[in-house]
Amino acid sequence: MACKELNQQGLQMLTREIVETAHPLKIVLFGKADKGRWANDVDLLVVVPEEVPLRQTAFMLRERMRRTAVPFKLIITTPNDLEEPKRPLGLIYRHIIESGRVIYAA
């Protein structure tokens, strides 16, 4: 199987696992995989509702997604955090939103 096919299938599996586990508002693909280049892993920004506990959600997602055998990195955040451009993480989020691709929206 070609690397690009593996990434597409892996991305679909990861997205399904995230949606079933965390019921996110949005998932954004960023990094090399978003640019159509083969990547060693898949970088995803997962936006969850404000009331969702971030650490617990991150732990649950990582545990469940390990079985996909697709290397991944997750950033879990809330809409409020995305709207805080003055904070250091706000700048990273803005870059991801501007350069990444939304692959799921509730």
PDB file of N, CA and C in Angstrom:
ATOM      1  N   MET A   1       0.849  -1.186   0.000  1.00  0.00           N
ATOM      2  CA  MET A   1       0.000   0.000   0.000  1.00  0.00           C
ATOM      3  C   MET A   1       0.889   1.242   0.000  1.00  0.00           C
ATOM      4  N   ALA A   2       0.572   2.192  -0.822  1.00  0.00           N
ATOM      5  CA  ALA A   2       1.355   3.423  -0.911  1.00  0.00           C
ATOM      6  C   ALA A   2       1.210   4.235   0.356  1.00  0.00           C
ATOM      7  N   CYS A   3       2.233   5.059   0.655  1.00  0.00           N
ATOM      8  CA  CYS A   3       2.216   5.882   1.867  1.00  0.00           C
ATOM      9  C   CYS A   3       1.023   6.815   1.887  1.00  0.00           C
ATOM     10  N   LYS A   4       0.704   7.419   0.741  1.00  0.00           N
ATOM     11  CA  LYS A   4      -0.405   8.356   0.697  1.00  0.00           C
ATOM     12  C   LYS A   4      -1.714   7.643   1.008  1.00  0.00           C
ATOM     13  N   GLU A   5      -1.896   6.426   0.476  1.00  0.00           N
ATOM     14  CA  GLU A   5      -3.103   5.656   0.764  1.00  0.00           C
ATOM     15  C   GLU A   5      -3.174   5.315   2.238  1.00  0.00           C
ATOM     16  N   LEU A   6      -2.028   4.922   2.803  1.00  0.00           N
ATOM     17  CA  LEU A   6      -1.993   4.607   4.226  1.00  0.00           C
ATOM     18  C   LEU A   6      -2.390   5.832   5.039  1.00  0.00           C
ATOM     19  N   ASN A   7      -1.861   6.992   4.677  1.00  0.00           N
ATOM     20  CA  ASN A   7      -2.210   8.204   5.405  1.00  0.00           C
ATOM     21  C   ASN A   7      -3.695   8.522   5.294  1.00  0.00           C
ATOM     22  N   GLN A   8      -4.291   8.352   4.102  1.00  0.00           N
ATOM     23  CA  GLN A   8      -5.721   8.633   3.930  1.00  0.00           C
ATOM     24  C   GLN A   8      -6.567   7.669   4.749  1.00  0.00           C
ATOM     25  N   GLN A   9      -6.250   6.390   4.684  1.00  0.00           N
ATOM     26  CA  GLN A   9      -7.002   5.408   5.463  1.00  0.00           C
ATOM     27  C   GLN A   9      -6.793   5.646   6.956  1.00  0.00           C
ATOM     28  N   GLY A  10      -5.549   5.918   7.329  1.00  0.00           N
ATOM     29  CA  GLY A  10      -5.259   6.192   8.727  1.00  0.00           C
ATOM     30  C   GLY A  10      -5.975   7.433   9.221  1.00  0.00           C
ATOM     31  N   LEU A  11      -6.016   8.448   8.389  1.00  0.00           N
ATOM     32  CA  LEU A  11      -6.708   9.683   8.753  1.00  0.00           C
ATOM     33  C   LEU A  11      -8.196   9.431   8.969  1.00  0.00           C
ATOM     34  N   GLN A  12      -8.783   8.627   8.113  1.00  0.00           N
ATOM     35  CA  GLN A  12     -10.208   8.302   8.270  1.00  0.00           C
ATOM     36  C   GLN A  12     -10.451   7.533   9.567  1.00  0.00           C
ATOM     37  N   MET A  13      -9.555   6.586   9.884  1.00  0.00           N
ATOM     38  CA  MET A  13      -9.701   5.834  11.136  1.00  0.00           C
ATOM     39  C   MET A  13      -9.547   6.744  12.350  1.00  0.00           C
ATOM     40  N   LEU A  14      -8.533   7.611  12.319  1.00  0.00           N
ATOM     41  CA  LEU A  14      -8.327   8.527  13.439  1.00  0.00           C
ATOM     42  C   LEU A  14      -9.518   9.447  13.622  1.00  0.00           C
ATOM     43  N   THR A  15     -10.030   9.987  12.526  1.00  0.00           N
ATOM     44  CA  THR A  15     -11.177  10.890  12.600  1.00  0.00           C
ATOM     45  C   THR A  15     -12.372  10.176  13.210  1.00  0.00           C
ATOM     46  N   ARG A  16     -12.637   8.968  12.761  1.00  0.00           N
ATOM     47  CA  ARG A  16     -13.770   8.206  13.291  1.00  0.00           C
ATOM     48  C   ARG A  16     -13.614   7.965  14.799  1.00  0.00           C
ATOM     49  N   GLU A  17     -12.406   7.583  15.219  1.00  0.00           N
ATOM     50  CA  GLU A  17     -12.163   7.345  16.648  1.00  0.00           C
ATOM     51  C   GLU A  17     -12.369   8.614  17.474  1.00  0.00           C
ATOM     52  N   ILE A  18     -11.878   9.738  16.959  1.00  0.00           N
ATOM     53  CA  ILE A  18     -12.028  11.008  17.680  1.00  0.00           C
ATOM     54  C   ILE A  18     -13.498  11.376  17.800  1.00  0.00           C
ATOM     55  N   VAL A  19     -14.239  11.286  16.714  1.00  0.00           N
ATOM     56  CA  VAL A  19     -15.662  11.664  16.719  1.00  0.00           C
ATOM     57  C   VAL A  19     -16.439  10.769  17.672  1.00  0.00           C
ATOM     58  N   GLU A  20     -16.196   9.458  17.638  1.00  0.00           N
ATOM     59  CA  GLU A  20     -16.927   8.527  18.499  1.00  0.00           C
ATOM     60  C   GLU A  20     -16.581   8.709  19.968  1.00  0.00           C
ATOM     61  N   THR A  21     -15.348   9.085  20.260  1.00  0.00           N
ATOM     62  CA  THR A  21     -14.886   9.199  21.642  1.00  0.00           C
ATOM     63  C   THR A  21     -15.159  10.568  22.253  1.00  0.00           C
ATOM     64  N   ALA A  22     -14.857  11.641  21.515  1.00  0.00           N
ATOM     65  CA  ALA A  22     -14.871  12.986  22.106  1.00  0.00           C
ATOM     66  C   ALA A  22     -15.989  13.885  21.615  1.00  0.00           C
ATOM     67  N   HIS A  23     -16.684  13.508  20.554  1.00  0.00           N
ATOM     68  CA  HIS A  23     -17.749  14.338  19.983  1.00  0.00           C
ATOM     69  C   HIS A  23     -17.290  15.788  19.823  1.00  0.00           C
ATOM     70  N   PRO A  24     -16.223  15.989  19.041  1.00  0.00           N
ATOM     71  CA  PRO A  24     -15.649  17.336  18.914  1.00  0.00           C
ATOM     72  C   PRO A  24     -16.521  18.266  18.087  1.00  0.00           C
ATOM     73  N   LEU A  25     -16.229  19.549  18.214  1.00  0.00           N
ATOM     74  CA  LEU A  25     -16.872  20.561  17.383  1.00  0.00           C
ATOM     75  C   LEU A  25     -16.177  20.635  16.029  1.00  0.00           C
ATOM     76  N   LYS A  26     -14.845  20.386  16.047  1.00  0.00           N
ATOM     77  CA  LYS A  26     -14.062  20.527  14.831  1.00  0.00           C
ATOM     78  C   LYS A  26     -12.767  19.732  14.971  1.00  0.00           C
ATOM     79  N   ILE A  27     -12.297  19.204  13.836  1.00  0.00           N
ATOM     80  CA  ILE A  27     -10.977  18.570  13.769  1.00  0.00           C
ATOM     81  C   ILE A  27     -10.241  19.225  12.600  1.00  0.00           C
ATOM     82  N   VAL A  28      -9.021  19.686  12.867  1.00  0.00           N
ATOM     83  CA  VAL A  28      -8.217  20.348  11.844  1.00  0.00           C
ATOM     84  C   VAL A  28      -6.935  19.544  11.627  1.00  0.00           C
ATOM     85  N   LEU A  29      -6.691  19.180  10.374  1.00  0.00           N
ATOM     86  CA  LEU A  29      -5.459  18.511   9.984  1.00  0.00           C
ATOM     87  C   LEU A  29      -4.430  19.587   9.659  1.00  0.00           C
ATOM     88  N   PHE A  30      -3.226  19.449  10.198  1.00  0.00           N
ATOM     89  CA  PHE A  30      -2.184  20.420   9.891  1.00  0.00           C
ATOM     90  C   PHE A  30      -0.849  19.704   9.765  1.00  0.00           C
ATOM     91  N   GLY A  31       0.149  20.426   9.345  1.00  0.00           N
ATOM     92  CA  GLY A  31       1.470  19.837   9.172  1.00  0.00           C
ATOM     93  C   GLY A  31       1.645  19.252   7.784  1.00  0.00           C
ATOM     94  N   LYS A  32       2.638  18.363   7.635  1.00  0.00           N
ATOM     95  CA  LYS A  32       2.979  17.807   6.324  1.00  0.00           C
ATOM     96  C   LYS A  32       1.826  17.036   5.697  1.00  0.00           C
ATOM     97  N   ALA A  33       1.097  16.268   6.479  1.00  0.00           N
ATOM     98  CA  ALA A  33       0.006  15.469   5.923  1.00  0.00           C
ATOM     99  C   ALA A  33      -1.044  16.355   5.271  1.00  0.00           C
ATOM    100  N   ASP A  34      -1.267  17.540   5.817  1.00  0.00           N
ATOM    101  CA  ASP A  34      -2.242  18.467   5.231  1.00  0.00           C
ATOM    102  C   ASP A  34      -1.753  19.006   3.889  1.00  0.00           C
ATOM    103  N   LYS A  35      -0.465  19.087   3.714  1.00  0.00           N
ATOM    104  CA  LYS A  35       0.104  19.631   2.475  1.00  0.00           C
ATOM    105  C   LYS A  35       0.227  18.578   1.384  1.00  0.00           C
ATOM    106  N   GLY A  36      -0.267  17.364   1.667  1.00  0.00           N
ATOM    107  CA  GLY A  36      -0.230  16.314   0.665  1.00  0.00           C
ATOM    108  C   GLY A  36       1.091  15.580   0.597  1.00  0.00           C
ATOM    109  N   ARG A  37       1.975  15.849   1.543  1.00  0.00           N
ATOM    110  CA  ARG A  37       3.265  15.167   1.581  1.00  0.00           C
ATOM    111  C   ARG A  37       3.191  14.030   2.591  1.00  0.00           C
ATOM    112  N   TRP A  38       3.967  12.993   2.326  1.00  0.00           N
ATOM    113  CA  TRP A  38       4.016  11.901   3.277  1.00  0.00           C
ATOM    114  C   TRP A  38       4.576  12.421   4.591  1.00  0.00           C
ATOM    115  N   ALA A  39       4.009  11.962   5.672  1.00  0.00           N
ATOM    116  CA  ALA A  39       4.464  12.390   6.988  1.00  0.00           C
ATOM    117  C   ALA A  39       4.648  11.157   7.871  1.00  0.00           C
ATOM    118  N   ASN A  40       5.523  11.273   8.863  1.00  0.00           N
ATOM    119  CA  ASN A  40       5.716  10.179   9.812  1.00  0.00           C
ATOM    120  C   ASN A  40       4.542  10.029  10.755  1.00  0.00           C
ATOM    121  N   ASP A  41       3.797  11.100  10.908  1.00  0.00           N
ATOM    122  CA  ASP A  41       2.619  11.051  11.762  1.00  0.00           C
ATOM    123  C   ASP A  41       1.580  12.041  11.245  1.00  0.00           C
ATOM    124  N   VAL A  42       0.427  11.989  11.857  1.00  0.00           N
ATOM    125  CA  VAL A  42      -0.681  12.867  11.485  1.00  0.00           C
ATOM    126  C   VAL A  42      -0.880  13.861  12.627  1.00  0.00           C
ATOM    127  N   ASP A  43      -0.862  15.146  12.304  1.00  0.00           N
ATOM    128  CA  ASP A  43      -1.048  16.207  13.302  1.00  0.00           C
ATOM    129  C   ASP A  43      -2.485  16.697  13.243  1.00  0.00           C
ATOM    130  N   LEU A  44      -3.171  16.653  14.395  1.00  0.00           N
ATOM    131  CA  LEU A  44      -4.575  17.044  14.443  1.00  0.00           C
ATOM    132  C   LEU A  44      -4.846  17.996  15.601  1.00  0.00           C
ATOM    133  N   LEU A  45      -5.608  19.040  15.313  1.00  0.00           N
ATOM    134  CA  LEU A  45      -6.139  19.937  16.340  1.00  0.00           C
ATOM    135  C   LEU A  45      -7.583  19.522  16.542  1.00  0.00           C
ATOM    136  N   VAL A  46      -7.948  19.207  17.777  1.00  0.00           N
ATOM    137  CA  VAL A  46      -9.298  18.762  18.094  1.00  0.00           C
ATOM    138  C   VAL A  46      -9.940  19.818  18.993  1.00  0.00           C
ATOM    139  N   VAL A  47     -11.023  20.415  18.513  1.00  0.00           N
ATOM    140  CA  VAL A  47     -11.726  21.459  19.268  1.00  0.00           C
ATOM    141  C   VAL A  47     -12.956  20.829  19.901  1.00  0.00           C
ATOM    142  N   VAL A  48     -13.002  20.859  21.232  1.00  0.00           N
ATOM    143  CA  VAL A  48     -14.108  20.260  21.978  1.00  0.00           C
ATOM    144  C   VAL A  48     -14.903  21.355  22.688  1.00  0.00           C
ATOM    145  N   PRO A  49     -16.145  21.058  23.088  1.00  0.00           N
ATOM    146  CA  PRO A  49     -16.928  22.054  23.816  1.00  0.00           C
ATOM    147  C   PRO A  49     -16.232  22.501  25.106  1.00  0.00           C
ATOM    148  N   GLU A  50     -16.562  23.697  25.539  1.00  0.00           N
ATOM    149  CA  GLU A  50     -15.924  24.308  26.727  1.00  0.00           C
ATOM    150  C   GLU A  50     -16.001  23.432  27.970  1.00  0.00           C
ATOM    151  N   GLU A  51     -17.107  22.737  28.150  1.00  0.00           N
ATOM    152  CA  GLU A  51     -17.312  21.982  29.394  1.00  0.00           C
ATOM    153  C   GLU A  51     -16.564  20.645  29.420  1.00  0.00           C
ATOM    154  N   VAL A  52     -15.933  20.281  28.347  1.00  0.00           N
ATOM    155  CA  VAL A  52     -15.219  19.009  28.271  1.00  0.00           C
ATOM    156  C   VAL A  52     -13.861  19.139  28.965  1.00  0.00           C
ATOM    157  N   PRO A  53     -13.552  18.214  29.881  1.00  0.00           N
ATOM    158  CA  PRO A  53     -12.243  18.255  30.549  1.00  0.00           C
ATOM    159  C   PRO A  53     -11.131  17.858  29.563  1.00  0.00           C
ATOM    160  N   LEU A  54     -10.205  18.782  29.296  1.00  0.00           N
ATOM    161  CA  LEU A  54      -9.202  18.585  28.255  1.00  0.00           C
ATOM    162  C   LEU A  54      -8.246  17.431  28.539  1.00  0.00           C
ATOM    163  N   ARG A  55      -7.703  17.363  29.731  1.00  0.00           N
ATOM    164  CA  ARG A  55      -6.728  16.309  30.034  1.00  0.00           C
ATOM    165  C   ARG A  55      -7.357  14.926  29.976  1.00  0.00           C
ATOM    166  N   GLN A  56      -8.532  14.805  30.546  1.00  0.00           N
ATOM    167  CA  GLN A  56      -9.226  13.517  30.522  1.00  0.00           C
ATOM    168  C   GLN A  56      -9.557  13.113  29.081  1.00  0.00           C
ATOM    169  N   THR A  57      -9.989  14.071  28.283  1.00  0.00           N
ATOM    170  CA  THR A  57     -10.313  13.798  26.884  1.00  0.00           C
ATOM    171  C   THR A  57      -9.066  13.388  26.115  1.00  0.00           C
ATOM    172  N   ALA A  58      -7.965  14.086  26.336  1.00  0.00           N
ATOM    173  CA  ALA A  58      -6.710  13.743  25.656  1.00  0.00           C
ATOM    174  C   ALA A  58      -6.274  12.329  26.018  1.00  0.00           C
ATOM    175  N   PHE A  59      -6.370  11.989  27.285  1.00  0.00           N
ATOM    176  CA  PHE A  59      -5.987  10.641  27.728  1.00  0.00           C
ATOM    177  C   PHE A  59      -6.876   9.589  27.065  1.00  0.00           C
ATOM    178  N   MET A  60      -8.186   9.795  27.097  1.00  0.00           N
ATOM    179  CA  MET A  60      -9.117   8.839  26.488  1.00  0.00           C
ATOM    180  C   MET A  60      -8.842   8.665  25.002  1.00  0.00           C
ATOM    181  N   LEU A  61      -8.615   9.784  24.303  1.00  0.00           N
ATOM    182  CA  LEU A  61      -8.354   9.709  22.864  1.00  0.00           C
ATOM    183  C   LEU A  61      -7.065   8.955  22.568  1.00  0.00           C
ATOM    184  N   ARG A  62      -6.026   9.266  23.283  1.00  0.00           N
ATOM    185  CA  ARG A  62      -4.743   8.598  23.027  1.00  0.00           C
ATOM    186  C   ARG A  62      -4.840   7.099  23.297  1.00  0.00           C
ATOM    187  N   GLU A  63      -5.518   6.722  24.366  1.00  0.00           N
ATOM    188  CA  GLU A  63      -5.678   5.303  24.676  1.00  0.00           C
ATOM    189  C   GLU A  63      -6.474   4.589  23.585  1.00  0.00           C
ATOM    190  N   ARG A  64      -7.557   5.177  23.163  1.00  0.00           N
ATOM    191  CA  ARG A  64      -8.412   4.538  22.160  1.00  0.00           C
ATOM    192  C   ARG A  64      -7.754   4.523  20.779  1.00  0.00           C
ATOM    193  N   MET A  65      -7.041   5.575  20.442  1.00  0.00           N
ATOM    194  CA  MET A  65      -6.478   5.703  19.099  1.00  0.00           C
ATOM    195  C   MET A  65      -5.211   4.892  18.909  1.00  0.00           C
ATOM    196  N   ARG A  66      -4.608   4.415  19.968  1.00  0.00           N
ATOM    197  CA  ARG A  66      -3.396   3.592  19.843  1.00  0.00           C
ATOM    198  C   ARG A  66      -3.647   2.353  18.999  1.00  0.00           C
ATOM    199  N   ARG A  67      -4.849   1.840  19.062  1.00  0.00           N
ATOM    200  CA  ARG A  67      -5.138   0.610  18.320  1.00  0.00           C
ATOM    201  C   ARG A  67      -5.240   0.829  16.817  1.00  0.00           C
ATOM    202  N   THR A  68      -5.237   2.070  16.360  1.00  0.00           N
ATOM    203  CA  THR A  68      -5.297   2.317  14.925  1.00  0.00           C
ATOM    204  C   THR A  68      -3.955   2.056  14.254  1.00  0.00           C
ATOM    205  N   ALA A  69      -2.882   2.006  15.011  1.00  0.00           N
ATOM    206  CA  ALA A  69      -1.532   1.780  14.490  1.00  0.00           C
ATOM    207  C   ALA A  69      -1.082   2.891  13.545  1.00  0.00           C
ATOM    208  N   VAL A  70      -1.710   4.044  13.635  1.00  0.00           N
ATOM    209  CA  VAL A  70      -1.318   5.206  12.838  1.00  0.00           C
ATOM    210  C   VAL A  70      -0.648   6.197  13.788  1.00  0.00           C
ATOM    211  N   PRO A  71       0.604   6.580  13.537  1.00  0.00           N
ATOM    212  CA  PRO A  71       1.252   7.562  14.400  1.00  0.00           C
ATOM    213  C   PRO A  71       0.515   8.903  14.327  1.00  0.00           C
ATOM    214  N   PHE A  72       0.318   9.541  15.459  1.00  0.00           N
ATOM    215  CA  PHE A  72      -0.437  10.791  15.482  1.00  0.00           C
ATOM    216  C   PHE A  72       0.047  11.693  16.604  1.00  0.00           C
ATOM    217  N   LYS A  73      -0.257  12.972  16.444  1.00  0.00           N
ATOM    218  CA  LYS A  73      -0.078  13.964  17.499  1.00  0.00           C
ATOM    219  C   LYS A  73      -1.396  14.706  17.603  1.00  0.00           C
ATOM    220  N   LEU A  74      -1.841  14.923  18.823  1.00  0.00           N
ATOM    221  CA  LEU A  74      -3.093  15.631  19.051  1.00  0.00           C
ATOM    222  C   LEU A  74      -2.856  16.890  19.861  1.00  0.00           C
ATOM    223  N   ILE A  75      -3.567  17.934  19.496  1.00  0.00           N
ATOM    224  CA  ILE A  75      -3.686  19.121  20.333  1.00  0.00           C
ATOM    225  C   ILE A  75      -5.173  19.252  20.609  1.00  0.00           C
ATOM    226  N   ILE A  76      -5.540  19.226  21.881  1.00  0.00           N
ATOM    227  CA  ILE A  76      -6.941  19.323  22.271  1.00  0.00           C
ATOM    228  C   ILE A  76      -7.156  20.724  22.839  1.00  0.00           C
ATOM    229  N   THR A  77      -8.203  21.400  22.374  1.00  0.00           N
ATOM    230  CA  THR A  77      -8.473  22.755  22.837  1.00  0.00           C
ATOM    231  C   THR A  77      -9.971  23.050  22.795  1.00  0.00           C
ATOM    232  N   THR A  78     -10.324  24.248  23.225  1.00  0.00           N
ATOM    233  CA  THR A  78     -11.727  24.694  23.228  1.00  0.00           C
ATOM    234  C   THR A  78     -11.864  25.942  22.350  1.00  0.00           C
ATOM    235  N   PRO A  79     -13.079  26.285  21.960  1.00  0.00           N
ATOM    236  CA  PRO A  79     -13.275  27.504  21.171  1.00  0.00           C
ATOM    237  C   PRO A  79     -12.736  28.757  21.872  1.00  0.00           C
ATOM    238  N   ASN A  80     -12.877  28.827  23.183  1.00  0.00           N
ATOM    239  CA  ASN A  80     -12.374  29.979  23.940  1.00  0.00           C
ATOM    240  C   ASN A  80     -10.870  30.137  23.775  1.00  0.00           C
ATOM    241  N   ASP A  81     -10.160  29.016  23.852  1.00  0.00           N
ATOM    242  CA  ASP A  81      -8.703  29.066  23.699  1.00  0.00           C
ATOM    243  C   ASP A  81      -8.301  29.532  22.298  1.00  0.00           C
ATOM    244  N   LEU A  82      -9.079  29.168  21.302  1.00  0.00           N
ATOM    245  CA  LEU A  82      -8.773  29.591  19.934  1.00  0.00           C
ATOM    246  C   LEU A  82      -8.919  31.094  19.757  1.00  0.00           C
ATOM    247  N   GLU A  83      -9.731  31.706  20.593  1.00  0.00           N
ATOM    248  CA  GLU A  83     -10.004  33.137  20.460  1.00  0.00           C
ATOM    249  C   GLU A  83      -9.103  33.997  21.335  1.00  0.00           C
ATOM    250  N   GLU A  84      -8.048  33.441  21.879  1.00  0.00           N
ATOM    251  CA  GLU A  84      -7.121  34.175  22.745  1.00  0.00           C
ATOM    252  C   GLU A  84      -5.789  34.402  22.039  1.00  0.00           C
ATOM    253  N   PRO A  85      -5.742  35.246  21.010  1.00  0.00           N
ATOM    254  CA  PRO A  85      -4.500  35.411  20.233  1.00  0.00           C
ATOM    255  C   PRO A  85      -3.359  36.053  21.009  1.00  0.00           C
ATOM    256  N   LYS A  86      -3.643  36.689  22.132  1.00  0.00           N
ATOM    257  CA  LYS A  86      -2.571  37.359  22.880  1.00  0.00           C
ATOM    258  C   LYS A  86      -1.762  36.376  23.721  1.00  0.00           C
ATOM    259  N   ARG A  87      -2.333  35.235  24.005  1.00  0.00           N
ATOM    260  CA  ARG A  87      -1.601  34.210  24.751  1.00  0.00           C
ATOM    261  C   ARG A  87      -0.684  33.467  23.794  1.00  0.00           C
ATOM    262  N   PRO A  88       0.449  32.977  24.269  1.00  0.00           N
ATOM    263  CA  PRO A  88       1.379  32.275  23.373  1.00  0.00           C
ATOM    264  C   PRO A  88       0.727  31.125  22.595  1.00  0.00           C
ATOM    265  N   LEU A  89      -0.102  30.318  23.251  1.00  0.00           N
ATOM    266  CA  LEU A  89      -0.753  29.222  22.533  1.00  0.00           C
ATOM    267  C   LEU A  89      -1.747  29.737  21.509  1.00  0.00           C
ATOM    268  N   GLY A  90      -2.314  30.903  21.751  1.00  0.00           N
ATOM    269  CA  GLY A  90      -3.252  31.478  20.795  1.00  0.00           C
ATOM    270  C   GLY A  90      -2.611  31.699  19.435  1.00  0.00           C
ATOM    271  N   LEU A  91      -1.338  32.059  19.435  1.00  0.00           N
ATOM    272  CA  LEU A  91      -0.626  32.266  18.172  1.00  0.00           C
ATOM    273  C   LEU A  91      -0.450  30.950  17.420  1.00  0.00           C
ATOM    274  N   ILE A  92      -0.168  29.886  18.131  1.00  0.00           N
ATOM    275  CA  ILE A  92      -0.035  28.572  17.505  1.00  0.00           C
ATOM    276  C   ILE A  92      -1.372  28.142  16.924  1.00  0.00           C
ATOM    277  N   TYR A  93      -2.428  28.320  17.686  1.00  0.00           N
ATOM    278  CA  TYR A  93      -3.764  27.939  17.205  1.00  0.00           C
ATOM    279  C   TYR A  93      -4.119  28.714  15.943  1.00  0.00           C
ATOM    280  N   ARG A  94      -3.832  29.989  15.950  1.00  0.00           N
ATOM    281  CA  ARG A  94      -4.162  30.812  14.785  1.00  0.00           C
ATOM    282  C   ARG A  94      -3.425  30.309  13.547  1.00  0.00           C
ATOM    283  N   HIS A  95      -2.151  29.977  13.707  1.00  0.00           N
ATOM    284  CA  HIS A  95      -1.375  29.439  12.586  1.00  0.00           C
ATOM    285  C   HIS A  95      -1.989  28.124  12.082  1.00  0.00           C
ATOM    286  N   ILE A  96      -2.374  27.245  12.985  1.00  0.00           N
ATOM    287  CA  ILE A  96      -2.975  25.966  12.596  1.00  0.00           C
ATOM    288  C   ILE A  96      -4.289  26.192  11.865  1.00  0.00           C
ATOM    289  N   ILE A  97      -5.133  27.069  12.394  1.00  0.00           N
ATOM    290  CA  ILE A  97      -6.427  27.341  11.763  1.00  0.00           C
ATOM    291  C   ILE A  97      -6.237  27.953  10.377  1.00  0.00           C
ATOM    292  N   GLU A  98      -5.281  28.856  10.246  1.00  0.00           N
ATOM    293  CA  GLU A  98      -5.061  29.520   8.954  1.00  0.00           C
ATOM    294  C   GLU A  98      -4.398  28.610   7.927  1.00  0.00           C
ATOM    295  N   SER A  99      -3.515  27.726   8.369  1.00  0.00           N
ATOM    296  CA  SER A  99      -2.779  26.911   7.406  1.00  0.00           C
ATOM    297  C   SER A  99      -3.298  25.476   7.291  1.00  0.00           C
ATOM    298  N   GLY A 100      -4.080  25.029   8.263  1.00  0.00           N
ATOM    299  CA  GLY A 100      -4.574  23.651   8.262  1.00  0.00           C
ATOM    300  C   GLY A 100      -5.868  23.498   7.460  1.00  0.00           C
ATOM    301  N   ARG A 101      -6.395  22.284   7.489  1.00  0.00           N
ATOM    302  CA  ARG A 101      -7.615  21.971   6.744  1.00  0.00           C
ATOM    303  C   ARG A 101      -8.612  21.299   7.698  1.00  0.00           C
ATOM    304  N   VAL A 102      -9.825  21.837   7.745  1.00  0.00           N
ATOM    305  CA  VAL A 102     -10.881  21.256   8.571  1.00  0.00           C
ATOM    306  C   VAL A 102     -11.303  19.934   7.921  1.00  0.00           C
ATOM    307  N   ILE A 103     -11.182  18.839   8.672  1.00  0.00           N
ATOM    308  CA  ILE A 103     -11.581  17.549   8.139  1.00  0.00           C
ATOM    309  C   ILE A 103     -12.858  17.035   8.791  1.00  0.00           C
ATOM    310  N   TYR A 104     -13.308  17.733   9.834  1.00  0.00           N
ATOM    311  CA  TYR A 104     -14.581  17.386  10.472  1.00  0.00           C
ATOM    312  C   TYR A 104     -15.124  18.639  11.151  1.00  0.00           C
ATOM    313  N   ALA A 105     -16.409  18.856  11.011  1.00  0.00           N
ATOM    314  CA  ALA A 105     -17.091  19.952  11.720  1.00  0.00           C
ATOM    315  C   ALA A 105     -18.479  19.444  12.103  1.00  0.00           C
ATOM    316  N   ALA A 106     -18.821  19.634  13.366  1.00  0.00           N
ATOM    317  CA  ALA A 106     -20.130  19.184  13.864  1.00  0.00           C
ATOM    318  C   ALA A 106     -21.221  20.091  13.339  1.00  0.00           C
TER     319      ALA A 106
END
